[in-house]
């Protein structure tokens, strides 16, 4: 099975996207940046841009894992709260 990577960095930076979601007014993207990082392990670019936010950071795999874990746990908690009618 071959991987289908997104084509090109939406910011036109030296970055190879691994995953990207494009929206009408922006995008969210994670990729491998090809510039030498300031901190050795920070090889990944994490970008989020829309009409209100323009965020870019260089992170390591641990940062990405922790971010994904917090987001996933938050979504699970929100779903549980909605199902139990504590929050709508």
Protein backbone atom coordinates (compact mmCIF):
# COMPACT_ATOMS: atom_id res chain seq x y z
CA UNK A 1 0.00 0.00 0.00
CA UNK A 2 1.36 3.44 -0.86
CA UNK A 3 0.81 6.64 1.08
CA UNK A 4 -0.90 9.65 -0.46
CA UNK A 5 0.73 12.75 1.00
CA UNK A 6 -0.73 16.23 0.51
CA UNK A 7 0.99 18.18 -2.23
CA UNK A 8 3.16 21.06 -1.12
CA UNK A 9 3.21 23.34 1.89
CA UNK A 10 0.29 25.80 1.90
CA UNK A 11 2.67 28.45 3.29
CA UNK A 12 5.23 27.72 0.54
CA UNK A 13 7.86 26.86 3.18
CA UNK A 14 10.51 24.15 3.05
CA UNK A 15 8.17 21.56 4.49
CA UNK A 16 6.79 18.20 3.35
CA UNK A 17 3.18 17.88 4.55
CA UNK A 18 2.24 14.61 6.25
CA UNK A 19 -1.40 15.50 6.83
CA UNK A 20 -3.47 18.57 5.99
CA UNK A 21 -7.08 19.63 6.11
CA UNK A 22 -7.94 22.57 3.89
CA UNK A 23 -10.93 24.78 4.57
CA UNK A 24 -12.43 27.74 2.75
CA UNK A 25 -10.62 30.25 4.97
CA UNK A 26 -7.57 28.30 6.08
CA UNK A 27 -5.98 24.98 6.91
CA UNK A 28 -4.40 22.82 9.60
CA UNK A 29 -1.26 20.92 8.71
CA UNK A 30 1.59 18.83 10.12
CA UNK A 31 4.71 18.21 8.10
CA UNK A 32 8.43 17.56 8.20
CA UNK A 33 10.37 20.80 7.79
CA UNK A 34 13.58 20.62 5.84
CA UNK A 35 15.43 23.54 7.46
CA UNK A 36 17.83 22.75 10.28
CA UNK A 37 15.76 23.04 13.49
CA UNK A 38 16.86 25.30 16.35
CA UNK A 39 16.24 22.38 18.70
CA UNK A 40 17.49 19.08 17.25
CA UNK A 41 14.35 17.01 17.85
CA UNK A 42 11.90 19.70 16.60
CA UNK A 43 11.70 18.28 13.06
CA UNK A 44 7.96 18.75 12.53
CA UNK A 45 6.00 21.85 11.57
CA UNK A 46 2.53 22.29 13.07
CA UNK A 47 0.44 25.01 11.38
CA UNK A 48 -3.08 26.26 11.91
CA UNK A 49 -4.47 29.16 9.93
CA UNK A 50 -7.96 30.62 9.56
CA UNK A 51 -9.50 34.08 9.53
CA UNK A 52 -8.78 34.51 13.28
CA UNK A 53 -5.59 32.48 13.90
CA UNK A 54 -2.23 32.26 12.17
CA UNK A 55 -0.15 29.78 14.18
CA UNK A 56 3.04 27.95 13.26
CA UNK A 57 5.41 26.07 15.53
CA UNK A 58 8.19 23.54 15.23
CA UNK A 59 7.71 20.54 17.49
CA UNK A 60 8.96 17.04 18.18
CA UNK A 61 7.07 13.76 18.01
CA UNK A 62 6.34 13.90 21.75
CA UNK A 63 4.69 17.31 21.36
CA UNK A 64 2.53 15.97 18.52
CA UNK A 65 1.59 12.89 20.54
CA UNK A 66 0.66 14.94 23.60
CA UNK A 67 -1.38 17.39 21.50
CA UNK A 68 -3.28 14.55 19.85
CA UNK A 69 -3.87 12.91 23.25
CA UNK A 70 -5.29 16.09 24.80
CA UNK A 71 -7.55 16.73 21.80
CA UNK A 72 -8.80 13.12 21.72
CA UNK A 73 -9.44 13.06 25.48
CA UNK A 74 -11.27 16.39 25.29
CA UNK A 75 -13.50 15.14 22.48
CA UNK A 76 -14.28 11.98 24.47
CA UNK A 77 -15.16 14.05 27.56
CA UNK A 78 -17.36 16.44 25.55
CA UNK A 79 -19.21 13.50 24.01
CA UNK A 80 -19.73 11.93 27.44
CA UNK A 81 -21.05 15.22 28.83
CA UNK A 82 -23.44 15.62 25.90
CA UNK A 83 -24.72 12.04 26.20
CA UNK A 84 -25.36 12.43 29.93
CA UNK A 85 -27.04 15.83 29.28
CA UNK A 86 -24.65 17.65 31.59
CA UNK A 87 -23.68 19.89 28.69
CA UNK A 88 -25.28 20.50 25.31
